[in-house]
Amino acid sequence: MVMVLLDFDRTIIDDDSDSWVISEMGLTEVFNELRSSMPWTSLMNRMMEELHSKGISINTIAHCLHSAFLHPNILSAIQSAHSLGCDLRIISDANFFSIQTILEHHNLLGCFSQINTNPAFVDDKGCLCITPFHDSTTLPPHACHLCPPNMCKGLVIDQIRGSLGESKTRFIYVGDGMGDYCPTLKLEGGDFVMPRKNYPLWNKICSDPKLVHAEVHDWSSGEEFENILLNLVNKLAT
């Protein structure tokens, strides 16, 4: 089986979904005031409270997310990998509401068997609440020094491997940020990693390539994303 694990922000979409909402909804000033004093997930939850206090509805937030750019070649690559029988999963430090909203808008939600991200729900007042992926009541929530407290993507990879039993699965991991380095180190020989060129993950891999056991294929554009991903899928299938 071929499993494709994808980050979301600046990988599937070309923007950061959190930053997109902050900018488009006019929250930049209050965000900047609080940025240094709160963990990111708590800060985004606070931003949702701010929007709710201004009377901005969930539907308005969703409409804002619909305008985040998703390259047509990335969309078709995901559809093609799914149709070829790949198991596609998301591992993202965004939040479930943003990811689900954008994927539904592009008719991609059904391509993914699992979305690993920070939970989000609407409370009884109609406010969107965002909580950490890892239990914040446990200190530390995980033992990884490479990852932020709210989410260790490498731990997610370990859990996925553990759930597969004896079945032989080859992984293709696609990402861009520093949070994608830990899961990249979990990949084995025979796996592939696709870092976005000139982004933090690519820079980190280039700084000491021998630490990465997977074969590295960098990409810059939506066209390269599609060509490389589908070539790797076909290579593993044969």
C-alpha atoms as a PDB file:
ATOM      1  CA  MET A   1       0.000   0.000   0.000  1.00  0.00           C
ATOM      2  CA  VAL A   2       1.102   3.563  -0.713  1.00  0.00           C
ATOM      3  CA  MET A   3       0.239   6.129   1.955  1.00  0.00           C
ATOM      4  CA  VAL A   4       0.537   9.831   1.149  1.00  0.00           C
ATOM      5  CA  LEU A   5       0.843  12.033   4.228  1.00  0.00           C
ATOM      6  CA  LEU A   6       0.353  15.729   3.589  1.00  0.00           C
ATOM      7  CA  ASP A   7       0.781  18.870   5.592  1.00  0.00           C
ATOM      8  CA  PHE A   8      -1.946  21.436   4.833  1.00  0.00           C
ATOM      9  CA  ASP A   9      -0.799  25.055   5.155  1.00  0.00           C
ATOM     10  CA  ARG A  10       1.608  26.146   2.398  1.00  0.00           C
ATOM     11  CA  THR A  11       1.475  22.592   1.069  1.00  0.00           C
ATOM     12  CA  ILE A  12      -2.068  21.744  -0.035  1.00  0.00           C
ATOM     13  CA  ILE A  13      -3.075  25.403   0.050  1.00  0.00           C
ATOM     14  CA  ASP A  14      -0.585  28.102  -0.850  1.00  0.00           C
ATOM     15  CA  ASP A  15      -1.283  30.143   2.291  1.00  0.00           C
ATOM     16  CA  ASP A  16      -1.395  29.590   6.034  1.00  0.00           C
ATOM     17  CA  SER A  17      -5.090  29.127   6.847  1.00  0.00           C
ATOM     18  CA  ASP A  18      -4.800  30.727  10.301  1.00  0.00           C
ATOM     19  CA  SER A  19      -2.908  33.760   9.001  1.00  0.00           C
ATOM     20  CA  TRP A  20      -5.355  34.043   6.105  1.00  0.00           C
ATOM     21  CA  VAL A  21      -8.313  34.405   8.480  1.00  0.00           C
ATOM     22  CA  ILE A  22      -6.408  36.849  10.696  1.00  0.00           C
ATOM     23  CA  SER A  23      -5.519  39.061   7.730  1.00  0.00           C
ATOM     24  CA  GLU A  24      -8.799  38.864   5.834  1.00  0.00           C
ATOM     25  CA  MET A  25     -10.910  39.402   8.954  1.00  0.00           C
ATOM     26  CA  GLY A  26      -8.971  42.470  10.116  1.00  0.00           C
ATOM     27  CA  LEU A  27      -7.439  40.880  13.215  1.00  0.00           C
ATOM     28  CA  THR A  28      -3.783  41.687  12.490  1.00  0.00           C
ATOM     29  CA  GLU A  29      -3.464  44.416  15.116  1.00  0.00           C
ATOM     30  CA  VAL A  30      -4.937  42.468  18.042  1.00  0.00           C
ATOM     31  CA  PHE A  31      -3.073  39.342  16.871  1.00  0.00           C
ATOM     32  CA  ASN A  32       0.254  41.190  16.942  1.00  0.00           C
ATOM     33  CA  GLU A  33      -0.482  42.528  20.423  1.00  0.00           C
ATOM     34  CA  LEU A  34      -1.002  39.012  21.816  1.00  0.00           C
ATOM     35  CA  ARG A  35       1.447  37.010  19.663  1.00  0.00           C
ATOM     36  CA  SER A  36       4.351  36.974  22.122  1.00  0.00           C
ATOM     37  CA  SER A  37       2.248  36.087  25.158  1.00  0.00           C
ATOM     38  CA  MET A  38       0.282  32.995  24.031  1.00  0.00           C
ATOM     39  CA  PRO A  39       0.923  29.609  22.392  1.00  0.00           C
ATOM     40  CA  TRP A  40      -0.283  29.573  18.781  1.00  0.00           C
ATOM     41  CA  THR A  41      -3.304  27.296  19.301  1.00  0.00           C
ATOM     42  CA  SER A  42      -4.485  29.297  22.316  1.00  0.00           C
ATOM     43  CA  LEU A  43      -3.966  32.482  20.331  1.00  0.00           C
ATOM     44  CA  MET A  44      -6.079  31.222  17.432  1.00  0.00           C
ATOM     45  CA  ASN A  45      -8.812  30.236  19.883  1.00  0.00           C
ATOM     46  CA  ARG A  46      -8.630  33.778  21.258  1.00  0.00           C
ATOM     47  CA  MET A  47      -8.942  35.171  17.719  1.00  0.00           C
ATOM     48  CA  MET A  48     -12.118  33.153  17.191  1.00  0.00           C
ATOM     49  CA  GLU A  49     -13.513  34.634  20.406  1.00  0.00           C
ATOM     50  CA  GLU A  50     -12.669  38.073  19.032  1.00  0.00           C
ATOM     51  CA  LEU A  51     -14.557  37.381  15.812  1.00  0.00           C
ATOM     52  CA  HIS A  52     -17.540  36.048  17.735  1.00  0.00           C
ATOM     53  CA  SER A  53     -17.616  39.176  19.921  1.00  0.00           C
ATOM     54  CA  LYS A  54     -17.820  41.255  16.722  1.00  0.00           C
ATOM     55  CA  GLY A  55     -20.841  39.269  15.547  1.00  0.00           C
ATOM     56  CA  ILE A  56     -18.964  37.457  12.785  1.00  0.00           C
ATOM     57  CA  SER A  57     -20.626  34.111  12.085  1.00  0.00           C
ATOM     58  CA  ILE A  58     -19.155  30.691  11.376  1.00  0.00           C
ATOM     59  CA  ASN A  59     -20.507  30.954   7.824  1.00  0.00           C
ATOM     60  CA  THR A  60     -18.603  34.201   7.295  1.00  0.00           C
ATOM     61  CA  ILE A  61     -15.383  32.567   8.502  1.00  0.00           C
ATOM     62  CA  ALA A  62     -16.026  29.631   6.169  1.00  0.00           C
ATOM     63  CA  HIS A  63     -16.619  31.978   3.240  1.00  0.00           C
ATOM     64  CA  CYS A  64     -13.288  33.657   4.007  1.00  0.00           C
ATOM     65  CA  LEU A  65     -11.513  30.279   3.963  1.00  0.00           C
ATOM     66  CA  HIS A  66     -13.050  29.440   0.570  1.00  0.00           C
ATOM     67  CA  SER A  67     -10.900  32.156  -1.002  1.00  0.00           C
ATOM     68  CA  ALA A  68      -7.565  30.685   0.162  1.00  0.00           C
ATOM     69  CA  PHE A  69      -5.674  29.615  -2.975  1.00  0.00           C
ATOM     70  CA  LEU A  70      -5.398  25.927  -3.820  1.00  0.00           C
ATOM     71  CA  HIS A  71      -3.394  25.343  -7.009  1.00  0.00           C
ATOM     72  CA  PRO A  72      -5.390  23.400  -9.641  1.00  0.00           C
ATOM     73  CA  ASN A  73      -2.476  20.985 -10.199  1.00  0.00           C
ATOM     74  CA  ILE A  74      -2.364  20.168  -6.484  1.00  0.00           C
ATOM     75  CA  LEU A  75      -6.113  19.568  -6.554  1.00  0.00           C
ATOM     76  CA  SER A  76      -5.813  17.204  -9.525  1.00  0.00           C
ATOM     77  CA  ALA A  77      -2.774  15.459  -7.987  1.00  0.00           C
ATOM     78  CA  ILE A  78      -4.770  14.647  -4.858  1.00  0.00           C
ATOM     79  CA  GLN A  79      -7.699  13.377  -6.921  1.00  0.00           C
ATOM     80  CA  SER A  80      -5.397  11.253  -9.082  1.00  0.00           C
ATOM     81  CA  ALA A  81      -3.488   9.740  -6.129  1.00  0.00           C
ATOM     82  CA  HIS A  82      -6.815   8.853  -4.519  1.00  0.00           C
ATOM     83  CA  SER A  83      -8.128   7.257  -7.711  1.00  0.00           C
ATOM     84  CA  LEU A  84      -4.905   5.234  -8.009  1.00  0.00           C
ATOM     85  CA  GLY A  85      -5.672   3.636  -4.633  1.00  0.00           C
ATOM     86  CA  CYS A  86      -3.384   5.604  -2.326  1.00  0.00           C
ATOM     87  CA  ASP A  87      -4.376   6.113   1.282  1.00  0.00           C
ATOM     88  CA  LEU A  88      -4.198   9.904   1.726  1.00  0.00           C
ATOM     89  CA  ARG A  89      -4.024  11.453   5.201  1.00  0.00           C
ATOM     90  CA  ILE A  90      -3.422  14.952   6.515  1.00  0.00           C
ATOM     91  CA  ILE A  91      -1.075  15.794   9.397  1.00  0.00           C
ATOM     92  CA  SER A  92      -1.404  19.511  10.054  1.00  0.00           C
ATOM     93  CA  ASP A  93      -0.955  22.098  12.785  1.00  0.00           C
ATOM     94  CA  ALA A  94      -3.933  24.055  11.418  1.00  0.00           C
ATOM     95  CA  ASN A  95      -7.394  23.117  12.740  1.00  0.00           C
ATOM     96  CA  PHE A  96     -10.166  20.759  11.725  1.00  0.00           C
ATOM     97  CA  PHE A  97     -12.704  23.457  10.836  1.00  0.00           C
ATOM     98  CA  SER A  98     -10.384  25.242   8.415  1.00  0.00           C
ATOM     99  CA  ILE A  99      -9.185  22.047   6.745  1.00  0.00           C
ATOM    100  CA  GLN A 100     -12.647  20.507   6.430  1.00  0.00           C
ATOM    101  CA  THR A 101     -14.125  23.771   5.112  1.00  0.00           C
ATOM    102  CA  ILE A 102     -11.481  24.213   2.405  1.00  0.00           C
ATOM    103  CA  LEU A 103     -11.467  20.556   1.334  1.00  0.00           C
ATOM    104  CA  GLU A 104     -15.262  20.478   1.117  1.00  0.00           C
ATOM    105  CA  HIS A 105     -15.223  23.655  -0.970  1.00  0.00           C
ATOM    106  CA  HIS A 106     -12.910  21.968  -3.486  1.00  0.00           C
ATOM    107  CA  ASN A 107     -14.700  18.578  -3.330  1.00  0.00           C
ATOM    108  CA  LEU A 108     -11.585  16.931  -1.900  1.00  0.00           C
ATOM    109  CA  LEU A 109     -12.725  15.862   1.560  1.00  0.00           C
ATOM    110  CA  GLY A 110     -13.630  12.341   0.407  1.00  0.00           C
ATOM    111  CA  CYS A 111     -10.084  11.773  -0.863  1.00  0.00           C
ATOM    112  CA  PHE A 112      -8.713  11.648   2.693  1.00  0.00           C
ATOM    113  CA  SER A 113      -9.133   8.742   5.099  1.00  0.00           C
ATOM    114  CA  GLN A 114      -7.881  10.679   8.124  1.00  0.00           C
ATOM    115  CA  ILE A 115      -7.251  14.272   9.217  1.00  0.00           C
ATOM    116  CA  ASN A 116      -4.823  14.669  12.118  1.00  0.00           C
ATOM    117  CA  THR A 117      -4.976  18.272  13.319  1.00  0.00           C
ATOM    118  CA  ASN A 118      -5.998  20.529  16.193  1.00  0.00           C
ATOM    119  CA  PRO A 119      -9.675  19.864  17.014  1.00  0.00           C
ATOM    120  CA  ALA A 120     -12.249  22.591  16.434  1.00  0.00           C
ATOM    121  CA  PHE A 121     -15.911  22.764  17.432  1.00  0.00           C
ATOM    122  CA  VAL A 122     -18.698  25.318  17.667  1.00  0.00           C
ATOM    123  CA  ASP A 123     -19.860  25.942  21.245  1.00  0.00           C
ATOM    124  CA  ASP A 124     -23.454  26.582  22.336  1.00  0.00           C
ATOM    125  CA  LYS A 125     -22.956  30.326  21.792  1.00  0.00           C
ATOM    126  CA  GLY A 126     -21.942  29.813  18.186  1.00  0.00           C
ATOM    127  CA  CYS A 127     -18.248  30.546  18.763  1.00  0.00           C
ATOM    128  CA  LEU A 128     -15.594  28.443  17.036  1.00  0.00           C
ATOM    129  CA  CYS A 129     -13.283  26.861  19.634  1.00  0.00           C
ATOM    130  CA  ILE A 130      -9.821  25.494  18.765  1.00  0.00           C
ATOM    131  CA  THR A 131      -8.014  23.099  21.097  1.00  0.00           C
ATOM    132  CA  PRO A 132      -4.549  21.445  21.005  1.00  0.00           C
ATOM    133  CA  PHE A 133      -4.096  18.096  19.227  1.00  0.00           C
ATOM    134  CA  HIS A 134      -2.150  16.696  22.188  1.00  0.00           C
ATOM    135  CA  ASP A 135      -3.753  16.870  25.615  1.00  0.00           C
ATOM    136  CA  SER A 136      -2.670  20.179  27.128  1.00  0.00           C
ATOM    137  CA  THR A 137      -3.532  18.970  30.645  1.00  0.00           C
ATOM    138  CA  THR A 138      -0.557  16.597  30.469  1.00  0.00           C
ATOM    139  CA  LEU A 139       2.785  18.315  31.006  1.00  0.00           C
ATOM    140  CA  PRO A 140       4.686  17.877  28.873  1.00  0.00           C
ATOM    141  CA  PRO A 141       2.061  16.764  26.298  1.00  0.00           C
ATOM    142  CA  HIS A 142       4.814  14.886  24.418  1.00  0.00           C
ATOM    143  CA  ALA A 143       8.551  14.324  24.799  1.00  0.00           C
ATOM    144  CA  CYS A 144       9.701  15.690  21.421  1.00  0.00           C
ATOM    145  CA  HIS A 145      12.024  18.691  21.525  1.00  0.00           C
ATOM    146  CA  LEU A 146      11.641  19.340  17.780  1.00  0.00           C
ATOM    147  CA  CYS A 147       7.890  20.006  17.832  1.00  0.00           C
ATOM    148  CA  PRO A 148       5.564  22.599  19.403  1.00  0.00           C
ATOM    149  CA  PRO A 149       3.736  21.464  22.570  1.00  0.00           C
ATOM    150  CA  ASN A 150       0.340  21.156  20.895  1.00  0.00           C
ATOM    151  CA  MET A 151       1.396  18.689  18.175  1.00  0.00           C
ATOM    152  CA  CYS A 152       4.221  16.274  17.437  1.00  0.00           C
ATOM    153  CA  LYS A 153       3.752  15.036  13.890  1.00  0.00           C
ATOM    154  CA  GLY A 154       6.409  12.369  14.379  1.00  0.00           C
ATOM    155  CA  LEU A 155       4.286  10.838  17.115  1.00  0.00           C
ATOM    156  CA  VAL A 156       1.378  10.753  14.656  1.00  0.00           C
ATOM    157  CA  ILE A 157       3.576   8.833  12.180  1.00  0.00           C
ATOM    158  CA  ASP A 158       4.485   6.349  14.928  1.00  0.00           C
ATOM    159  CA  GLN A 159       0.789   5.848  15.714  1.00  0.00           C
ATOM    160  CA  ILE A 160      -0.050   5.326  12.052  1.00  0.00           C
ATOM    161  CA  ARG A 161       2.736   2.748  11.647  1.00  0.00           C
ATOM    162  CA  GLY A 162       1.558   0.994  14.803  1.00  0.00           C
ATOM    163  CA  SER A 163      -1.981   0.736  13.436  1.00  0.00           C
ATOM    164  CA  LEU A 164      -0.879  -0.954  10.204  1.00  0.00           C
ATOM    165  CA  GLY A 165       0.266  -4.244  11.746  1.00  0.00           C
ATOM    166  CA  GLU A 166       2.368  -6.368   9.415  1.00  0.00           C
ATOM    167  CA  SER A 167       1.123  -4.801   6.181  1.00  0.00           C
ATOM    168  CA  LYS A 168       3.903  -3.373   4.016  1.00  0.00           C
ATOM    169  CA  THR A 169       3.249   0.333   3.543  1.00  0.00           C
ATOM    170  CA  ARG A 170       5.437   2.834   1.730  1.00  0.00           C
ATOM    171  CA  PHE A 171       5.132   6.464   2.779  1.00  0.00           C
ATOM    172  CA  ILE A 172       5.290   9.663   0.774  1.00  0.00           C
ATOM    173  CA  TYR A 173       5.431  12.691   3.090  1.00  0.00           C
ATOM    174  CA  VAL A 174       4.770  16.192   1.721  1.00  0.00           C
ATOM    175  CA  GLY A 175       5.384  19.323   3.788  1.00  0.00           C
ATOM    176  CA  ASP A 176       7.079  22.683   4.101  1.00  0.00           C
ATOM    177  CA  GLY A 177       7.663  23.774   7.707  1.00  0.00           C
ATOM    178  CA  MET A 178       9.862  23.014  10.700  1.00  0.00           C
ATOM    179  CA  GLY A 179       7.015  20.971  12.179  1.00  0.00           C
ATOM    180  CA  ASP A 180       7.437  18.575   9.247  1.00  0.00           C
ATOM    181  CA  TYR A 181      11.062  17.779  10.100  1.00  0.00           C
ATOM    182  CA  CYS A 182      10.315  15.419  12.990  1.00  0.00           C
ATOM    183  CA  PRO A 183       8.025  13.175  10.883  1.00  0.00           C
ATOM    184  CA  THR A 184      10.594  13.298   8.060  1.00  0.00           C
ATOM    185  CA  LEU A 185      13.132  11.746  10.447  1.00  0.00           C
ATOM    186  CA  LYS A 186      10.628   8.921  11.106  1.00  0.00           C
ATOM    187  CA  LEU A 187      10.615   7.883   7.454  1.00  0.00           C
ATOM    188  CA  GLU A 188      12.604   4.818   6.410  1.00  0.00           C
ATOM    189  CA  GLY A 189      14.587   3.722   3.380  1.00  0.00           C
ATOM    190  CA  GLY A 190      12.089   3.085   0.603  1.00  0.00           C
ATOM    191  CA  ASP A 191       9.935   6.011   1.729  1.00  0.00           C
ATOM    192  CA  PHE A 192       9.927   9.440   0.083  1.00  0.00           C
ATOM    193  CA  VAL A 193       9.758  13.000   1.374  1.00  0.00           C
ATOM    194  CA  MET A 194       8.680  15.968  -0.755  1.00  0.00           C
ATOM    195  CA  PRO A 195       9.814  19.212   0.914  1.00  0.00           C
ATOM    196  CA  ARG A 196       8.731  22.507  -0.622  1.00  0.00           C
ATOM    197  CA  LYS A 197      11.913  24.088  -1.972  1.00  0.00           C
ATOM    198  CA  ASN A 198      13.339  27.108  -0.100  1.00  0.00           C
ATOM    199  CA  TYR A 199      10.961  26.569   2.832  1.00  0.00           C
ATOM    200  CA  PRO A 200      12.075  25.612   6.385  1.00  0.00           C
ATOM    201  CA  LEU A 201      11.752  21.818   5.962  1.00  0.00           C
ATOM    202  CA  TRP A 202      13.856  21.887   2.793  1.00  0.00           C
ATOM    203  CA  ASN A 203      16.459  24.104   4.464  1.00  0.00           C
ATOM    204  CA  LYS A 204      16.651  21.782   7.485  1.00  0.00           C
ATOM    205  CA  ILE A 205      17.039  18.669   5.323  1.00  0.00           C
ATOM    206  CA  CYS A 206      19.772  20.381   3.264  1.00  0.00           C
ATOM    207  CA  SER A 207      21.674  21.338   6.405  1.00  0.00           C
ATOM    208  CA  ASP A 208      22.408  17.650   7.170  1.00  0.00           C
ATOM    209  CA  PRO A 209      21.004  15.325   4.467  1.00  0.00           C
ATOM    210  CA  LYS A 210      22.472  12.148   5.962  1.00  0.00           C
ATOM    211  CA  LEU A 211      20.015  12.311   8.881  1.00  0.00           C
ATOM    212  CA  VAL A 212      17.120  11.655   6.482  1.00  0.00           C
ATOM    213  CA  HIS A 213      16.700   8.026   5.384  1.00  0.00           C
ATOM    214  CA  ALA A 214      13.882   8.668   2.892  1.00  0.00           C
ATOM    215  CA  GLU A 215      14.572   9.683  -0.689  1.00  0.00           C
ATOM    216  CA  VAL A 216      14.159  13.473  -1.068  1.00  0.00           C
ATOM    217  CA  HIS A 217      12.272  15.074  -3.978  1.00  0.00           C
ATOM    218  CA  ASP A 218      11.811  18.823  -3.642  1.00  0.00           C
ATOM    219  CA  TRP A 219       9.121  20.845  -5.432  1.00  0.00           C
ATOM    220  CA  SER A 220       8.365  24.528  -5.971  1.00  0.00           C
ATOM    221  CA  SER A 221       5.156  24.831  -7.989  1.00  0.00           C
ATOM    222  CA  GLY A 222       1.803  23.097  -8.271  1.00  0.00           C
ATOM    223  CA  GLU A 223       2.926  21.573 -11.555  1.00  0.00           C
ATOM    224  CA  GLU A 224       6.044  20.094  -9.940  1.00  0.00           C
ATOM    225  CA  PHE A 225       3.974  18.865  -6.980  1.00  0.00           C
ATOM    226  CA  GLU A 226       1.679  16.944  -9.319  1.00  0.00           C
ATOM    227  CA  ASN A 227       4.404  15.525 -11.569  1.00  0.00           C
ATOM    228  CA  ILE A 228       6.631  14.375  -8.696  1.00  0.00           C
ATOM    229  CA  LEU A 229       3.851  12.942  -6.537  1.00  0.00           C
ATOM    230  CA  LEU A 230       2.247  10.930  -9.338  1.00  0.00           C
ATOM    231  CA  ASN A 231       5.636   9.697 -10.598  1.00  0.00           C
ATOM    232  CA  LEU A 232       6.460   8.456  -7.080  1.00  0.00           C
ATOM    233  CA  VAL A 233       3.039   6.834  -6.707  1.00  0.00           C
ATOM    234  CA  ASN A 234       3.482   5.031 -10.043  1.00  0.00           C
ATOM    235  CA  LYS A 235       7.038   4.018  -9.103  1.00  0.00           C
ATOM    236  CA  LEU A 236       5.844   2.461  -5.846  1.00  0.00           C
ATOM    237  CA  ALA A 237       2.876   0.788  -7.564  1.00  0.00           C
ATOM    238  CA  THR A 238       5.180  -1.041  -9.964  1.00  0.00           C
END
